[in-house]
Amino acid sequence: MSRALPKYNKRRVAIIGGAAALALTGAVVVNQALAGESSKSSSTNAQTLAAGPGTIVCPDVASKLPAIPATAKAEVDRNLALLQTQIQEANTRLQNTVGQGGPNFVQNAILGPLKDKRVATVNRIATAIGRTAAKPTGLDALAPCALNAGGGAAAGNANAGNGNANANAGNNANAGGNNGNAGNAGAVGTITCPDVASKLPAIPATAKAEVDRNLALLQTQIQEANTRLKNTVGQGGPNFVQNAILGPLKDKRSSTIDRIAISIGRTAAKPTGLDSLAACTLNK
């Protein structure tokens, strides 16, 4: 009996030791697996962060200008600075809206409105120079901007991926809205804008042709916006109409109204306060 007890104790120690070794081995394997997953996750996150939404780049305007008359320099410099501010604001919005809207969100809600703002600003630069020198032409070609190639693909993939989720959410929301409208697919409303012609002062004969042309353009812009409103029912999220239609329309109207005021101001008192007529609304 006394000889059997040590053998039993030895066997018990061996079994316990083996179990402890097995548990330790399992813990090592689990820790290695977790470490591998953590490393993989960190690598994936690093790639995602590195990709980013990209940045918006625009053609340089200053280098394409002719000699600037001294009388126009202050106004030109102010508008060149505004062009830079517009790019910075667009890049900030690009960063702050990652994942919003559908695959065309960046074009419709950021690049499109930015182009319209740049057209208006570039036009003011050309007009300022043209008051005392030959007015530069062709500057409108410098207005469109783009996502840089380095971030464009990543941003496109991110928008496409997020676009599926957001587009589905948007479509679901719009589907609910259509149901709420008793299934009337045509009841998208219409865009209405303040009348500009009735707010103008007496138009000099020398400005009449240009003013009439721009008043006609204002009507064309409204018609195009209403057409787009009907053709994009169900697209984007709840802010699609504001970001992709009303916002760009306001920028276009600001530019057109500015041209009307400048035209009148060449031979008469330049009208002020017309910018307040640029914003339009959706009439449901």
Protein backbone atom coordinates (compact mmCIF):
# COMPACT_ATOMS: atom_id res chain seq x y z
CA MET A 1 0.00 0.00 0.00
CA SER A 2 2.78 2.37 0.92
CA ARG A 3 4.63 1.48 -2.34
CA ALA A 4 1.51 2.04 -4.56
CA LEU A 5 0.83 5.57 -3.30
CA PRO A 6 3.95 7.19 -4.77
CA LYS A 7 3.16 5.63 -8.17
CA TYR A 8 -0.35 7.06 -8.01
CA ASN A 9 0.97 10.47 -7.06
CA LYS A 10 3.46 10.37 -9.91
CA ARG A 11 0.73 9.44 -12.39
CA ARG A 12 -1.49 12.22 -11.02
CA VAL A 13 1.28 14.79 -11.34
CA ALA A 14 1.99 13.63 -14.90
CA ILE A 15 -1.67 13.97 -15.90
CA ILE A 16 -2.01 17.42 -14.32
CA GLY A 17 1.25 18.55 -15.89
CA GLY A 18 0.12 17.32 -19.31
CA ALA A 19 -3.20 19.14 -19.03
CA ALA A 20 -1.44 22.34 -18.01
CA ALA A 21 0.92 22.06 -20.96
CA LEU A 22 -1.99 21.48 -23.32
CA ALA A 23 -3.84 24.53 -21.92
CA LEU A 24 -0.71 26.64 -22.27
CA THR A 25 -0.23 25.49 -25.86
CA GLY A 26 -3.87 26.34 -26.66
CA ALA A 27 -3.46 29.80 -25.14
CA VAL A 28 -0.36 30.40 -27.26
CA VAL A 29 -2.20 29.31 -30.42
CA VAL A 30 -5.20 31.54 -29.60
CA ASN A 31 -2.97 34.51 -28.82
CA GLN A 32 -1.07 34.03 -32.08
CA ALA A 33 -4.35 33.84 -34.00
CA LEU A 34 -5.64 36.98 -32.32
CA ALA A 35 -2.37 38.74 -32.97
CA GLY A 36 -2.60 37.74 -36.63
CA GLU A 37 -6.16 39.04 -36.91
CA SER A 38 -5.18 42.26 -35.13
CA SER A 39 -2.25 42.73 -37.49
CA LYS A 40 -4.47 42.04 -40.50
CA SER A 41 -7.10 44.45 -39.19
CA SER A 42 -4.49 47.15 -38.59
CA SER A 43 -3.13 46.65 -42.09
CA THR A 44 -6.63 46.90 -43.59
CA ASN A 45 -7.41 50.03 -41.60
CA ALA A 46 -4.12 51.57 -42.63
CA GLN A 47 -4.92 50.94 -46.30
CA THR A 48 -8.42 52.36 -45.88
CA LEU A 49 -7.15 55.48 -44.17
CA ALA A 50 -4.37 55.88 -46.69
CA ALA A 51 -6.87 55.76 -49.53
CA GLY A 52 -9.04 58.58 -48.16
CA PRO A 53 -11.63 60.43 -50.23
CA GLY A 54 -8.99 62.12 -52.38
CA THR A 55 -8.66 65.86 -52.95
CA ILE A 56 -10.21 68.27 -55.41
CA VAL A 57 -7.83 69.92 -57.85
CA CYS A 58 -8.64 72.83 -60.18
CA PRO A 59 -6.84 74.52 -63.08
CA ASP A 60 -4.76 77.54 -62.09
CA VAL A 61 -6.39 80.79 -63.19
CA ALA A 62 -3.76 83.36 -62.17
CA SER A 63 -1.15 81.98 -64.58
CA LYS A 64 -3.59 82.24 -67.51
CA LEU A 65 -4.40 85.92 -67.05
CA PRO A 66 -2.99 88.70 -69.25
CA ALA A 67 -1.35 91.79 -67.78
CA ILE A 68 -3.68 93.15 -65.11
CA PRO A 69 -4.38 96.90 -65.18
CA ALA A 70 -3.58 98.68 -61.92
CA THR A 71 -7.21 99.78 -61.62
CA ALA A 72 -8.35 96.14 -61.66
CA LYS A 73 -5.64 94.58 -59.51
CA ALA A 74 -7.45 94.78 -56.16
CA GLU A 75 -10.63 93.22 -57.54
CA VAL A 76 -8.73 90.54 -59.44
CA ASP A 77 -6.64 89.63 -56.38
CA ARG A 78 -9.78 89.44 -54.25
CA ASN A 79 -11.42 87.03 -56.70
CA LEU A 80 -8.27 84.93 -57.10
CA ALA A 81 -8.25 84.52 -53.31
CA LEU A 82 -11.93 83.59 -53.47
CA LEU A 83 -11.11 80.83 -55.98
CA GLN A 84 -8.71 79.31 -53.44
CA THR A 85 -11.29 79.61 -50.67
CA GLN A 86 -13.83 77.81 -52.85
CA ILE A 87 -11.42 74.91 -53.41
CA GLN A 88 -10.65 74.67 -49.68
CA GLU A 89 -14.36 74.66 -48.83
CA ALA A 90 -15.02 71.96 -51.44
CA ASN A 91 -12.20 69.78 -50.06
CA THR A 92 -13.54 70.24 -46.52
CA ARG A 93 -16.98 69.19 -47.68
CA LEU A 94 -15.46 66.20 -49.49
CA GLN A 95 -13.87 65.06 -46.23
CA ASN A 96 -17.04 65.65 -44.19
CA THR A 97 -19.42 63.82 -46.52
CA VAL A 98 -17.55 60.55 -47.12
CA GLY A 99 -20.13 57.82 -47.63
CA GLN A 100 -23.07 60.12 -48.23
CA GLY A 101 -25.33 59.94 -51.27
CA GLY A 102 -24.97 57.63 -54.24
CA PRO A 103 -22.11 57.10 -56.69
CA ASN A 104 -22.70 60.52 -58.31
CA PHE A 105 -22.81 62.46 -55.03
CA VAL A 106 -19.35 64.05 -55.38
CA GLN A 107 -20.09 65.22 -58.93
CA ASN A 108 -23.60 66.46 -58.20
CA ALA A 109 -23.15 67.97 -54.75
CA ILE A 110 -19.52 69.16 -54.74
CA LEU A 111 -17.84 69.35 -58.15
CA GLY A 112 -20.90 70.72 -59.97
CA PRO A 113 -21.61 73.57 -57.54
CA LEU A 114 -17.88 74.32 -57.34
CA LYS A 115 -17.73 74.71 -61.12
CA ASP A 116 -20.68 77.13 -61.08
CA LYS A 117 -19.04 79.23 -58.34
CA ARG A 118 -15.77 79.30 -60.26
CA VAL A 119 -17.54 80.35 -63.48
CA ALA A 120 -19.06 83.33 -61.65
CA THR A 121 -15.74 84.26 -60.03
CA VAL A 122 -13.71 83.87 -63.22
CA ASN A 123 -16.31 85.97 -65.05
CA ARG A 124 -15.88 88.76 -62.49
CA ILE A 125 -12.12 88.65 -63.02
CA ALA A 126 -12.52 88.94 -66.79
CA THR A 127 -15.02 91.77 -66.39
CA ALA A 128 -12.70 93.68 -64.02
CA ILE A 129 -9.82 93.47 -66.50
CA GLY A 130 -12.11 94.31 -69.42
CA ARG A 131 -13.11 97.67 -67.97
CA THR A 132 -9.74 99.23 -68.88
CA ALA A 133 -8.09 96.64 -71.15
CA ALA A 134 -8.94 93.85 -73.54
CA LYS A 135 -11.30 91.46 -71.77
CA PRO A 136 -9.72 87.98 -71.56
CA THR A 137 -11.72 85.18 -73.16
CA GLY A 138 -11.81 81.42 -72.70
CA LEU A 139 -11.37 81.55 -68.92
CA ASP A 140 -14.57 79.53 -68.44
CA ALA A 141 -12.60 76.48 -69.55
CA LEU A 142 -10.67 76.73 -66.28
CA ALA A 143 -13.81 76.40 -64.14
CA PRO A 144 -14.29 72.57 -63.97
CA CYS A 145 -12.38 70.74 -61.24
CA ALA A 146 -11.81 67.03 -60.61
CA LEU A 147 -10.85 64.51 -57.96
CA ASN A 148 -7.11 63.90 -58.08
CA ALA A 149 -5.99 60.61 -59.65
CA GLY A 150 -4.35 59.43 -56.43
CA GLY A 151 -7.59 59.48 -54.44
CA GLY A 152 -10.07 59.21 -57.26
CA ALA A 153 -10.20 55.43 -57.50
CA ALA A 154 -10.35 54.95 -53.75
CA ALA A 155 -13.01 57.61 -53.44
CA GLY A 156 -14.93 56.05 -56.28
CA ASN A 157 -14.82 52.63 -54.63
CA ALA A 158 -15.84 54.09 -51.30
CA ASN A 159 -18.69 55.99 -52.87
CA ALA A 160 -19.74 52.96 -54.86
CA GLY A 161 -19.72 50.78 -51.77
CA ASN A 162 -21.40 53.31 -49.58
CA GLY A 163 -23.61 54.25 -52.47
CA ASN A 164 -25.20 50.80 -52.40
CA ALA A 165 -26.16 51.21 -48.77
CA ASN A 166 -27.14 54.84 -49.09
CA ALA A 167 -28.85 54.37 -52.40
CA ASN A 168 -30.91 51.59 -50.90
CA ALA A 169 -31.71 53.76 -47.91
CA GLY A 170 -32.53 56.65 -50.21
CA ASN A 171 -34.67 54.49 -52.45
CA ASN A 172 -36.47 53.06 -49.46
CA ALA A 173 -37.11 56.55 -48.14
CA ASN A 174 -38.28 57.74 -51.52
CA ALA A 175 -40.41 54.65 -51.95
CA GLY A 176 -42.07 55.48 -48.66
CA GLY A 177 -42.52 59.06 -49.82
CA ASN A 178 -44.13 57.92 -53.06
CA ASN A 179 -46.49 55.67 -51.13
CA GLY A 180 -47.36 58.65 -48.97
CA ASN A 181 -48.24 60.53 -52.16
CA ALA A 182 -50.78 57.81 -53.02
CA GLY A 183 -48.37 56.35 -55.58
CA ASN A 184 -48.49 59.45 -57.78
CA ALA A 185 -45.07 59.17 -59.40
CA GLY A 186 -45.58 62.46 -61.23
CA ALA A 187 -46.09 64.47 -58.04
CA VAL A 188 -42.45 65.56 -57.70
CA GLY A 189 -43.33 69.23 -57.44
CA THR A 190 -41.83 72.08 -59.43
CA ILE A 191 -38.99 74.49 -58.84
CA THR A 192 -39.99 78.12 -58.53
CA CYS A 193 -37.64 81.11 -58.50
CA PRO A 194 -38.04 84.83 -57.79
CA ASP A 195 -38.70 86.97 -60.85
CA VAL A 196 -35.67 89.02 -61.81
CA ALA A 197 -37.01 91.09 -64.72
CA SER A 198 -39.54 92.91 -62.54
CA LYS A 199 -36.83 93.92 -60.04
CA LEU A 200 -34.55 95.60 -62.59
CA PRO A 201 -34.24 99.37 -63.00
CA ALA A 202 -34.56 101.06 -66.39
CA ILE A 203 -32.29 99.16 -68.77
CA PRO A 204 -30.02 101.29 -70.98
CA ALA A 205 -30.42 100.65 -74.71
CA THR A 206 -26.78 99.58 -74.94
CA ALA A 207 -27.37 96.82 -72.37
CA LYS A 208 -30.79 95.61 -73.50
CA ALA A 209 -29.62 92.80 -75.79
CA GLU A 210 -27.30 91.32 -73.16
CA VAL A 211 -29.86 91.70 -70.37
CA ASP A 212 -32.57 90.03 -72.47
CA ARG A 213 -30.22 87.19 -73.32
CA ASN A 214 -29.45 86.57 -69.66
CA LEU A 215 -33.10 86.85 -68.61
CA ALA A 216 -33.88 84.16 -71.18
CA LEU A 217 -31.03 82.09 -69.75
CA LEU A 218 -32.57 82.33 -66.28
CA GLN A 219 -35.77 80.78 -67.65
CA THR A 220 -33.78 78.04 -69.41
CA GLN A 221 -31.99 77.22 -66.16
CA ILE A 222 -35.31 76.81 -64.34
CA GLN A 223 -36.67 74.57 -67.11
CA GLU A 224 -33.54 72.41 -67.04
CA ALA A 225 -33.75 72.12 -63.25
CA ASN A 226 -37.42 71.06 -63.42
CA THR A 227 -36.59 68.48 -66.09
CA ARG A 228 -33.81 67.09 -63.93
CA LEU A 229 -36.13 67.04 -60.93
CA LYS A 230 -38.54 64.76 -62.83
CA ASN A 231 -35.78 62.57 -64.27
CA THR A 232 -34.12 61.86 -60.91
CA VAL A 233 -37.12 60.85 -58.81
CA GLY A 234 -35.95 58.29 -56.23
CA GLN A 235 -32.25 59.04 -56.59
CA GLY A 236 -29.94 59.95 -53.73
CA GLY A 237 -30.89 60.60 -50.14
CA PRO A 238 -33.21 63.12 -48.49
CA ASN A 239 -30.93 66.06 -49.35
CA PHE A 240 -30.47 65.11 -53.01
CA VAL A 241 -32.75 67.83 -54.43
CA GLN A 242 -31.04 70.55 -52.38
CA ASN A 243 -27.49 69.38 -53.05
CA ALA A 244 -27.79 68.28 -56.67
CA ILE A 245 -30.48 70.58 -58.12
CA LEU A 246 -31.38 73.64 -56.03
CA GLY A 247 -27.79 74.36 -54.94
CA PRO A 248 -26.27 74.28 -58.45
CA LEU A 249 -29.25 76.23 -59.80
CA LYS A 250 -28.66 79.00 -57.25
CA ASP A 251 -25.00 79.23 -58.29
CA LYS A 252 -25.92 79.43 -61.98
CA ARG A 253 -28.51 82.11 -61.30
CA SER A 254 -26.02 84.12 -59.20
CA SER A 255 -23.60 84.13 -62.11
CA THR A 256 -26.31 85.11 -64.62
CA ILE A 257 -27.77 87.83 -62.39
CA ASP A 258 -24.27 89.18 -61.83
CA ARG A 259 -23.80 89.50 -65.59
CA ILE A 260 -27.11 91.38 -65.84
CA ALA A 261 -26.04 93.84 -63.12
CA ILE A 262 -22.62 94.34 -64.71
CA SER A 263 -24.19 94.94 -68.11
CA ILE A 264 -26.49 97.65 -66.76
CA GLY A 265 -23.68 99.12 -64.67
CA ARG A 266 -21.54 99.88 -67.70
CA THR A 267 -23.68 102.86 -68.70
CA ALA A 268 -25.95 103.42 -65.67
CA ALA A 269 -26.08 102.84 -61.93
CA LYS A 270 -25.31 99.20 -61.26
CA PRO A 271 -28.29 97.56 -59.50
CA THR A 272 -27.56 96.02 -56.11
CA GLY A 273 -29.24 93.36 -54.00
CA LEU A 274 -30.15 91.16 -56.96
CA ASP A 275 -28.24 88.21 -55.47
CA SER A 276 -31.14 87.72 -53.06
CA LEU A 277 -33.18 86.58 -56.08
CA ALA A 278 -30.85 83.68 -56.89
CA ALA A 279 -32.21 81.08 -54.45
CA CYS A 280 -35.11 78.92 -55.63
CA THR A 281 -37.43 76.54 -53.80
CA LEU A 282 -39.23 73.28 -54.41
CA ASN A 283 -42.94 73.92 -54.64
CA LYS A 284 -44.80 70.76 -53.64
